């Protein structure tokens, strides 16, 4: 169990290689990082730098080739596939650039989806989904399908889906990549609120320096290494 000084998330000497022989690509090379509860971290760097691979490992969507990943002091590599699935369902929320909503399903049904996997009863599920949609300002749009919503509204539904289970960590992969500047700022202000008000740890991959300014900490990746890790002054 985590103490005040124990990182919530820790990578120790994590490497990841894709492919074999001359086609092998080292996506991560002995990466060490620590993230504590309540941090808001931006992972930055060019394509192929290792930031998305790191995010996938932190989200238990991929596994290290070598090294260790610890979540709240538990060695994730020692968990079974089913145990890692429980970790994802109970403690992690995911936000994607492409929203990943079910097109023929209403907003509230999209938000309910992760609760179905947690086997939460239908009535309680609906109440939790309504609360999450209210938190992102879409309570009046709960019966609309994604095709009836703007891009910014679709991303709000995706955020509601990510927070409905009250995760400890939100993992966001280019959450503003498909949005204009005004909608992007709205989404980032929303994420910052969840971080500051609710204490949710947020780890975000982004190519956009102005979006990274909303974060409290910026990690710069290059060629599978973290080449800088800096705190950001709260000037916004």
Protein backbone atom coordinates (compact mmCIF):
# COMPACT_ATOMS: atom_id res chain seq x y z
CA UNK A 1 0.00 0.00 0.00
CA UNK A 2 1.22 3.46 -0.90
CA UNK A 3 2.64 5.88 1.67
CA UNK A 4 2.99 9.63 1.30
CA UNK A 5 6.49 9.19 -0.12
CA UNK A 6 5.85 6.10 -2.24
CA UNK A 7 5.12 6.82 -5.92
CA UNK A 8 1.70 5.81 -7.15
CA UNK A 9 3.33 4.84 -10.45
CA UNK A 10 6.92 3.77 -10.96
CA UNK A 11 8.92 2.40 -13.89
CA UNK A 12 12.33 0.91 -13.14
CA UNK A 13 14.66 0.22 -16.04
CA UNK A 14 11.78 -0.41 -18.45
CA UNK A 15 12.73 -1.27 -22.02
CA UNK A 16 10.55 -2.28 -24.95
CA UNK A 17 11.62 -3.57 -28.35
CA UNK A 18 9.25 -4.14 -31.26
CA UNK A 19 10.25 -6.46 -34.09
CA UNK A 20 13.29 -8.70 -34.44
CA UNK A 21 16.68 -8.65 -36.08
CA UNK A 22 17.38 -5.73 -38.39
CA UNK A 23 13.73 -4.70 -38.14
CA UNK A 24 13.92 -4.33 -34.34
CA UNK A 25 12.99 -0.91 -32.93
CA UNK A 26 13.80 0.00 -29.34
CA UNK A 27 10.77 2.04 -28.28
CA UNK A 28 11.98 2.42 -24.67
CA UNK A 29 15.52 2.09 -23.37
CA UNK A 30 15.89 1.50 -19.60
CA UNK A 31 13.37 4.22 -18.64
CA UNK A 32 12.97 5.21 -14.98
CA UNK A 33 10.11 7.43 -13.84
CA UNK A 34 8.03 8.13 -10.76
CA UNK A 35 4.60 9.76 -10.59
CA UNK A 36 2.90 10.53 -7.28
CA UNK A 37 -0.80 10.70 -6.46
CA UNK A 38 -2.37 13.96 -7.63
CA UNK A 39 0.20 14.89 -10.27
CA UNK A 40 -0.75 16.20 -13.73
CA UNK A 41 1.96 15.07 -16.14
CA UNK A 42 2.50 15.76 -19.84
CA UNK A 43 4.53 13.26 -21.87
CA UNK A 44 5.95 15.03 -24.92
CA UNK A 45 8.26 14.30 -27.80
CA UNK A 46 8.29 13.49 -31.52
CA UNK A 47 6.65 10.43 -33.04
CA UNK A 48 8.58 7.30 -32.12
CA UNK A 49 10.13 8.87 -29.03
CA UNK A 50 8.55 6.38 -26.60
CA UNK A 51 5.83 8.45 -24.97
CA UNK A 52 2.88 6.45 -26.31
CA UNK A 53 4.61 3.17 -25.51
CA UNK A 54 5.08 4.40 -21.95
CA UNK A 55 1.41 5.36 -21.71
CA UNK A 56 0.33 1.94 -23.00
CA UNK A 57 2.50 0.20 -20.41
CA UNK A 58 1.13 2.40 -17.62
CA UNK A 59 -2.40 1.55 -18.79
CA UNK A 60 -1.65 -2.20 -18.83
CA UNK A 61 -2.37 -2.22 -22.56
CA UNK A 62 1.21 -3.38 -23.21
CA UNK A 63 3.94 -5.03 -21.14
CA UNK A 64 7.62 -4.14 -20.72
CA UNK A 65 10.21 -6.25 -22.49
CA UNK A 66 12.38 -5.83 -19.40
CA UNK A 67 12.30 -3.81 -16.19
CA UNK A 68 9.51 -3.36 -13.66
CA UNK A 69 6.26 -1.42 -13.49
CA UNK A 70 4.84 -0.77 -10.01
CA UNK A 71 1.34 0.54 -9.34
CA UNK A 72 0.78 1.61 -5.74
CA UNK A 73 3.74 -0.55 -4.74
CA UNK A 74 2.48 -3.67 -6.53
CA UNK A 75 4.65 -5.22 -9.26
CA UNK A 76 2.28 -5.24 -12.22
CA UNK A 77 4.41 -7.82 -14.03
CA UNK A 78 3.60 -10.34 -11.31
CA UNK A 79 -0.15 -10.02 -11.90
CA UNK A 80 -2.13 -12.44 -14.03
CA UNK A 81 -3.97 -11.22 -17.14
CA UNK A 82 -7.23 -11.20 -15.18
CA UNK A 83 -5.65 -9.23 -12.34
CA UNK A 84 -4.30 -6.64 -14.78
CA UNK A 85 -7.80 -6.36 -16.27
CA UNK A 86 -9.15 -5.66 -12.78
CA UNK A 87 -6.48 -2.98 -12.29
CA UNK A 88 -7.58 -1.31 -15.54
CA UNK A 89 -11.28 -1.46 -14.67
CA UNK A 90 -11.02 -0.36 -11.05
CA UNK A 91 -8.21 2.20 -11.00
CA UNK A 92 -7.61 3.57 -14.52
CA UNK A 93 -9.61 5.73 -16.91
CA UNK A 94 -8.71 6.22 -20.58
CA UNK A 95 -9.25 9.19 -22.92
CA UNK A 96 -8.34 8.85 -26.60
CA UNK A 97 -7.81 11.32 -29.44
CA UNK A 98 -10.45 9.57 -31.56
CA UNK A 99 -13.07 9.52 -28.75
CA UNK A 100 -13.79 5.77 -29.35
CA UNK A 101 -17.52 6.11 -28.79
CA UNK A 102 -20.14 3.64 -30.03
CA UNK A 103 -21.86 5.50 -32.85
CA UNK A 104 -25.35 4.01 -32.54
CA UNK A 105 -25.43 4.27 -28.77
CA UNK A 106 -26.58 7.26 -26.73
CA UNK A 107 -24.19 9.36 -24.69
CA UNK A 108 -25.39 7.92 -21.41
CA UNK A 109 -25.10 4.34 -22.70
CA UNK A 110 -21.54 5.05 -23.83
CA UNK A 111 -20.71 6.34 -20.36
CA UNK A 112 -22.30 3.29 -18.73
CA UNK A 113 -20.19 0.83 -20.72
CA UNK A 114 -17.23 0.44 -18.31
CA UNK A 115 -19.68 -0.05 -15.44
CA UNK A 116 -21.21 -3.03 -17.22
CA UNK A 117 -17.82 -4.76 -17.13
CA UNK A 118 -17.70 -4.04 -13.41
CA UNK A 119 -21.11 -5.73 -13.06
CA UNK A 120 -22.73 -2.71 -11.41
CA UNK A 121 -26.54 -3.03 -11.27
CA UNK A 122 -28.42 -1.17 -14.03
CA UNK A 123 -30.13 1.41 -11.79
CA UNK A 124 -26.93 2.38 -9.99
CA UNK A 125 -25.10 2.36 -13.32
CA UNK A 126 -27.53 4.88 -14.77
CA UNK A 127 -27.19 7.15 -11.74
CA UNK A 128 -23.38 7.08 -11.95
CA UNK A 129 -23.47 7.83 -15.69
CA UNK A 130 -25.83 10.77 -15.17
CA UNK A 131 -23.53 12.15 -12.49
CA UNK A 132 -20.51 11.85 -14.81
CA UNK A 133 -22.31 13.57 -17.70
CA UNK A 134 -23.36 16.35 -15.32
CA UNK A 135 -19.70 16.77 -14.31
CA UNK A 136 -18.78 17.48 -17.95
CA UNK A 137 -21.82 19.69 -18.60
CA UNK A 138 -23.75 17.30 -20.85
CA UNK A 139 -26.68 16.29 -18.68
CA UNK A 140 -29.11 17.66 -21.30
CA UNK A 141 -27.46 15.65 -24.09
CA UNK A 142 -27.53 12.22 -22.48
CA UNK A 143 -29.91 10.69 -25.02
CA UNK A 144 -28.08 11.97 -28.10
CA UNK A 145 -25.85 9.71 -30.19
CA UNK A 146 -22.26 10.75 -31.04
CA UNK A 147 -23.37 11.73 -34.56
CA UNK A 148 -25.65 14.35 -33.01
CA UNK A 149 -22.83 15.90 -30.98
CA UNK A 150 -19.94 18.20 -31.87
CA UNK A 151 -16.35 17.03 -31.58
CA UNK A 152 -15.94 18.85 -28.27
CA UNK A 153 -19.12 17.29 -26.93
CA UNK A 154 -18.00 13.83 -28.04
CA UNK A 155 -14.74 14.29 -26.15
CA UNK A 156 -16.72 15.36 -23.08
CA UNK A 157 -18.71 12.11 -23.32
CA UNK A 158 -15.41 10.23 -23.57
CA UNK A 159 -14.16 12.04 -20.46
CA UNK A 160 -17.38 11.22 -18.62
CA UNK A 161 -16.88 7.57 -19.55
CA UNK A 162 -13.31 7.74 -18.25
CA UNK A 163 -14.27 9.25 -14.87
CA UNK A 164 -17.55 7.41 -14.24
CA UNK A 165 -15.82 4.68 -12.25
CA UNK A 166 -13.94 7.26 -10.14
CA UNK A 167 -10.44 6.15 -11.21
CA UNK A 168 -7.27 7.08 -9.41
CA UNK A 169 -5.48 7.73 -12.70
CA UNK A 170 -6.61 9.19 -16.03
CA UNK A 171 -4.48 8.27 -19.04
CA UNK A 172 -5.07 10.66 -21.93
CA UNK A 173 -3.61 10.06 -25.40
CA UNK A 174 -3.69 13.32 -27.41
CA UNK A 175 -7.10 14.26 -25.93
CA UNK A 176 -7.25 17.56 -27.86
CA UNK A 177 -5.70 16.30 -31.11
CA UNK A 178 -8.99 16.37 -33.05
CA UNK A 179 -10.31 19.64 -31.61
CA UNK A 180 -9.98 23.32 -32.48
CA UNK A 181 -8.17 25.66 -30.11
CA UNK A 182 -11.28 26.86 -28.24
CA UNK A 183 -12.59 23.33 -27.62
CA UNK A 184 -9.07 22.19 -26.71
CA UNK A 185 -8.80 24.80 -23.97
CA UNK A 186 -12.23 23.81 -22.64
CA UNK A 187 -11.15 20.16 -22.41
CA UNK A 188 -7.85 21.03 -20.73
CA UNK A 189 -9.56 23.28 -18.18
CA UNK A 190 -11.93 20.42 -17.41
CA UNK A 191 -9.06 17.99 -16.90
CA UNK A 192 -7.28 20.49 -14.68
CA UNK A 193 -10.42 20.79 -12.55
CA UNK A 194 -10.62 17.03 -12.09
CA UNK A 195 -6.95 17.04 -11.10
CA UNK A 196 -7.09 19.97 -8.66
CA UNK A 197 -10.57 19.45 -7.20
CA UNK A 198 -10.82 15.67 -7.16
CA UNK A 199 -7.15 14.74 -6.85
CA UNK A 200 -7.18 12.49 -9.91
CA UNK A 201 -3.70 11.76 -11.21
CA UNK A 202 -3.55 12.60 -14.93
CA UNK A 203 -0.91 11.45 -17.41
CA UNK A 204 -1.31 12.95 -20.87
CA UNK A 205 0.54 12.38 -24.14
CA UNK A 206 0.54 15.50 -26.30
CA UNK A 207 2.40 17.11 -29.20
CA UNK A 208 1.02 20.53 -28.30
CA UNK A 209 3.20 22.71 -26.01
CA UNK A 210 0.30 25.07 -25.22
CA UNK A 211 -1.80 22.15 -23.97
CA UNK A 212 1.14 20.84 -21.93
CA UNK A 213 1.21 24.18 -20.12
CA UNK A 214 -1.93 23.10 -18.25
CA UNK A 215 0.06 20.30 -16.64
CA UNK A 216 2.15 20.59 -13.49
CA UNK A 217 5.03 18.58 -14.93
CA UNK A 218 6.43 17.95 -18.41
CA UNK A 219 8.48 14.93 -19.49
CA UNK A 220 10.28 15.16 -22.81
CA UNK A 221 10.94 11.85 -24.59
CA UNK A 222 13.49 11.23 -27.33
CA UNK A 223 14.70 7.95 -28.84
CA UNK A 224 13.24 5.88 -26.03
CA UNK A 225 14.70 8.02 -23.23
CA UNK A 226 13.36 10.75 -20.95
CA UNK A 227 15.69 13.63 -21.73
CA UNK A 228 14.04 16.21 -19.45
CA UNK A 229 11.55 16.23 -16.59
CA UNK A 230 10.52 19.67 -15.37
CA UNK A 231 7.91 21.26 -13.13
CA UNK A 232 5.62 23.86 -14.69
CA UNK A 233 4.79 27.12 -12.96
CA UNK A 234 1.06 27.61 -12.41
CA UNK A 235 0.69 30.76 -14.50
CA UNK A 236 -2.55 29.97 -16.35
